[in-house]
Every structure is written in structure tokens, then in C-alpha cells.
N, C-alpha and C. Protein backbone atom coordinates (compact mmCIF):
# COMPACT_ATOMS: atom_id res chain seq x y z
N MET A 1 -10.96 11.73 12.03
CA MET A 1 -9.59 11.29 11.89
C MET A 1 -9.59 9.87 11.33
N PRO A 2 -8.79 9.61 10.31
CA PRO A 2 -8.72 8.26 9.73
C PRO A 2 -8.19 7.22 10.71
N HIS A 3 -8.51 5.99 10.43
CA HIS A 3 -7.99 4.87 11.20
C HIS A 3 -6.65 4.45 10.61
N SER A 4 -5.93 3.57 11.29
CA SER A 4 -4.63 3.07 10.82
C SER A 4 -4.57 1.57 10.99
N ILE A 5 -3.84 0.93 10.10
CA ILE A 5 -3.55 -0.50 10.24
C ILE A 5 -2.08 -0.61 10.63
N VAL A 6 -1.83 -1.27 11.73
CA VAL A 6 -0.45 -1.43 12.20
C VAL A 6 0.22 -2.49 11.34
N THR A 7 1.13 -2.06 10.50
CA THR A 7 1.77 -2.92 9.51
C THR A 7 2.34 -4.20 10.11
N GLU A 8 3.03 -4.09 11.21
CA GLU A 8 3.71 -5.26 11.79
C GLU A 8 2.77 -6.21 12.51
N ILE A 9 1.54 -5.80 12.75
CA ILE A 9 0.56 -6.68 13.40
C ILE A 9 -0.38 -7.32 12.38
N CYS A 10 -0.65 -6.63 11.29
CA CYS A 10 -1.58 -7.11 10.27
C CYS A 10 -1.16 -8.49 9.77
N GLU A 11 -2.15 -9.38 9.65
CA GLU A 11 -1.88 -10.75 9.19
C GLU A 11 -2.44 -11.01 7.79
N GLY A 12 -2.94 -9.96 7.14
CA GLY A 12 -3.41 -10.09 5.77
C GLY A 12 -4.73 -10.80 5.61
N VAL A 13 -5.57 -10.79 6.63
CA VAL A 13 -6.86 -11.48 6.58
C VAL A 13 -7.78 -10.88 5.52
N ALA A 14 -7.78 -9.57 5.37
CA ALA A 14 -8.52 -8.82 4.35
C ALA A 14 -9.99 -8.60 4.66
N ASP A 15 -10.47 -8.97 5.84
CA ASP A 15 -11.86 -8.68 6.19
C ASP A 15 -12.12 -7.17 6.14
N CYS A 16 -11.16 -6.39 6.55
CA CYS A 16 -11.31 -4.94 6.56
C CYS A 16 -11.47 -4.38 5.15
N ALA A 17 -10.66 -4.85 4.23
CA ALA A 17 -10.72 -4.36 2.85
C ALA A 17 -12.05 -4.71 2.20
N GLN A 18 -12.56 -5.89 2.48
CA GLN A 18 -13.84 -6.32 1.92
C GLN A 18 -15.01 -5.54 2.50
N ALA A 19 -14.90 -5.13 3.76
CA ALA A 19 -16.00 -4.43 4.43
C ALA A 19 -16.00 -2.92 4.23
N CYS A 20 -14.88 -2.34 3.82
CA CYS A 20 -14.76 -0.89 3.71
C CYS A 20 -15.72 -0.33 2.66
N PRO A 21 -16.62 0.59 3.05
CA PRO A 21 -17.60 1.11 2.11
C PRO A 21 -17.04 2.09 1.08
N VAL A 22 -15.85 2.61 1.30
CA VAL A 22 -15.27 3.57 0.35
C VAL A 22 -14.02 3.04 -0.34
N GLY A 23 -13.62 1.82 -0.06
CA GLY A 23 -12.47 1.21 -0.72
C GLY A 23 -11.14 1.86 -0.40
N CYS A 24 -10.99 2.34 0.83
CA CYS A 24 -9.74 3.03 1.18
C CYS A 24 -8.65 2.08 1.69
N ILE A 25 -8.97 0.80 1.84
CA ILE A 25 -8.00 -0.16 2.37
C ILE A 25 -7.40 -0.95 1.21
N LYS A 26 -6.09 -0.87 1.10
CA LYS A 26 -5.37 -1.46 -0.03
C LYS A 26 -4.37 -2.51 0.44
N GLN A 27 -4.09 -3.46 -0.43
CA GLN A 27 -3.09 -4.49 -0.15
C GLN A 27 -1.72 -3.99 -0.56
N SER A 28 -0.75 -4.22 0.29
CA SER A 28 0.62 -3.83 -0.02
C SER A 28 1.25 -4.84 -0.98
N PRO A 29 2.15 -4.39 -1.84
CA PRO A 29 2.83 -5.31 -2.74
C PRO A 29 3.95 -6.10 -2.05
N THR A 30 4.22 -5.79 -0.79
CA THR A 30 5.29 -6.45 -0.05
C THR A 30 4.73 -7.13 1.19
N THR A 31 5.60 -7.72 1.99
CA THR A 31 5.18 -8.36 3.23
C THR A 31 5.78 -7.62 4.42
N ASN A 32 5.22 -7.87 5.60
CA ASN A 32 5.76 -7.26 6.81
C ASN A 32 6.87 -8.14 7.38
N SER A 33 7.37 -7.78 8.54
CA SER A 33 8.50 -8.53 9.12
C SER A 33 8.14 -9.96 9.50
N LYS A 34 6.85 -10.27 9.62
CA LYS A 34 6.41 -11.63 9.91
C LYS A 34 6.22 -12.45 8.64
N GLY A 35 6.41 -11.79 7.49
CA GLY A 35 6.24 -12.47 6.22
C GLY A 35 4.81 -12.48 5.71
N ASN A 36 3.93 -11.71 6.35
CA ASN A 36 2.53 -11.66 5.95
C ASN A 36 2.27 -10.52 4.98
N ILE A 37 1.40 -10.77 4.02
CA ILE A 37 0.87 -9.68 3.21
C ILE A 37 0.12 -8.78 4.20
N PHE A 38 0.21 -7.49 4.02
CA PHE A 38 -0.51 -6.59 4.92
C PHE A 38 -1.32 -5.57 4.14
N PHE A 39 -2.24 -4.95 4.83
CA PHE A 39 -3.11 -3.94 4.23
C PHE A 39 -2.82 -2.59 4.86
N TRP A 40 -3.21 -1.54 4.18
CA TRP A 40 -3.01 -0.18 4.67
C TRP A 40 -4.21 0.67 4.30
N ILE A 41 -4.42 1.74 5.06
CA ILE A 41 -5.55 2.65 4.85
C ILE A 41 -5.06 3.93 4.19
N ASN A 42 -5.72 4.31 3.11
CA ASN A 42 -5.45 5.59 2.47
C ASN A 42 -6.13 6.67 3.32
N PHE A 43 -5.33 7.44 4.03
CA PHE A 43 -5.86 8.44 4.96
C PHE A 43 -6.70 9.50 4.26
N GLU A 44 -6.42 9.77 3.00
CA GLU A 44 -7.14 10.80 2.26
C GLU A 44 -8.55 10.35 1.88
N VAL A 45 -8.79 9.04 1.85
CA VAL A 45 -10.08 8.51 1.43
C VAL A 45 -10.92 8.03 2.62
N CYS A 46 -10.29 7.62 3.70
CA CYS A 46 -10.98 7.08 4.88
C CYS A 46 -12.03 8.07 5.40
N ILE A 47 -13.24 7.55 5.67
CA ILE A 47 -14.33 8.39 6.19
C ILE A 47 -14.56 8.17 7.69
N ASP A 48 -13.66 7.44 8.34
CA ASP A 48 -13.71 7.23 9.78
C ASP A 48 -15.00 6.53 10.23
N CYS A 49 -15.44 5.54 9.45
CA CYS A 49 -16.68 4.84 9.79
C CYS A 49 -16.47 3.79 10.88
N GLY A 50 -15.26 3.25 11.01
CA GLY A 50 -14.95 2.28 12.05
C GLY A 50 -15.27 0.84 11.73
N ILE A 51 -15.75 0.56 10.53
CA ILE A 51 -16.08 -0.81 10.17
C ILE A 51 -14.85 -1.71 10.24
N CYS A 52 -13.69 -1.19 9.84
CA CYS A 52 -12.47 -1.99 9.87
C CYS A 52 -12.14 -2.45 11.29
N LEU A 53 -12.39 -1.59 12.27
CA LEU A 53 -12.17 -1.96 13.66
C LEU A 53 -13.09 -3.10 14.09
N GLN A 54 -14.31 -3.06 13.60
CA GLN A 54 -15.31 -4.05 13.98
C GLN A 54 -15.06 -5.42 13.37
N VAL A 55 -14.56 -5.47 12.15
CA VAL A 55 -14.44 -6.76 11.45
C VAL A 55 -13.07 -7.42 11.55
N CYS A 56 -12.05 -6.69 11.90
CA CYS A 56 -10.71 -7.28 11.95
C CYS A 56 -10.60 -8.27 13.10
N PRO A 57 -10.22 -9.53 12.80
CA PRO A 57 -10.10 -10.53 13.86
C PRO A 57 -8.74 -10.51 14.57
N VAL A 58 -7.83 -9.66 14.11
CA VAL A 58 -6.48 -9.62 14.68
C VAL A 58 -6.39 -8.49 15.69
N GLU A 59 -6.26 -8.84 16.94
CA GLU A 59 -6.23 -7.85 18.01
C GLU A 59 -5.09 -6.85 17.84
N GLY A 60 -5.43 -5.58 17.88
CA GLY A 60 -4.43 -4.52 17.79
C GLY A 60 -3.97 -4.16 16.39
N ALA A 61 -4.53 -4.80 15.36
CA ALA A 61 -4.09 -4.53 13.99
C ALA A 61 -4.65 -3.23 13.45
N VAL A 62 -5.83 -2.82 13.92
CA VAL A 62 -6.44 -1.58 13.45
C VAL A 62 -6.59 -0.64 14.64
N LEU A 63 -6.16 0.59 14.45
CA LEU A 63 -6.26 1.62 15.48
C LEU A 63 -7.26 2.68 15.08
N ALA A 64 -7.95 3.24 16.05
CA ALA A 64 -8.96 4.27 15.79
C ALA A 64 -8.34 5.66 15.74
N GLU A 65 -7.16 5.74 15.17
CA GLU A 65 -6.48 7.02 15.03
C GLU A 65 -5.50 6.94 13.87
N GLU A 66 -5.12 8.09 13.35
CA GLU A 66 -4.14 8.14 12.27
C GLU A 66 -2.74 8.05 12.86
N ARG A 67 -2.04 6.96 12.53
CA ARG A 67 -0.68 6.73 13.05
C ARG A 67 0.23 6.40 11.89
N ARG A 68 0.73 7.41 11.24
CA ARG A 68 1.63 7.22 10.09
C ARG A 68 2.91 6.49 10.48
N ASP A 69 3.28 6.59 11.75
CA ASP A 69 4.50 5.93 12.21
C ASP A 69 4.35 4.42 12.36
N LEU A 70 3.11 3.92 12.42
CA LEU A 70 2.87 2.49 12.59
C LEU A 70 2.34 1.81 11.34
N GLN A 71 1.93 2.63 10.37
CA GLN A 71 1.37 2.08 9.13
C GLN A 71 2.25 2.49 7.96
N ARG A 72 2.60 1.50 7.14
CA ARG A 72 3.30 1.82 5.90
C ARG A 72 2.49 1.26 4.73
N SER A 73 2.76 1.72 3.53
CA SER A 73 1.98 1.28 2.38
C SER A 73 2.76 0.33 1.47
N SER A 74 4.04 0.17 1.74
CA SER A 74 4.82 -0.78 0.93
C SER A 74 6.00 -1.29 1.72
């Protein structure tokens, strides 16, 4: 099951995008409600490796489950 980035928690650090071995983490062209650029995971490409969970410094920003209701792409 793919991981999810919680849009409203993401602070746009980008450690996850840089570490992803398959390039499934993309930057949104918009900002979240906090005014931060945020990232999102392409569920179709994610291989469930968990690296994003390990490298993200923002507590609760990455979940080990697919949550379309908490992640948006724009």
C-alpha cells in the first residue's frame, strides 16, 4: 500500500522527494493552508519502501498508508 503525505502538515522540506528511489514524490504548484509549498505521493508509482517516513523531519507529515482524504496534489 502506498504512503501518503498529509497536505496540511507538510512544510515543504523536500527530504522525502530527494530520497525517493522511484521519484513518486512531486511538488505541488500551490501552497497549503499554512502557506507552505507541499509535496504529494503518486500512489500509482509508490513502491512502499518507507524511505519517506524515515527521512521526513516533520512529525505526522508522512503516513504509512494510502489516505486520499488527507493528501491532495494541487
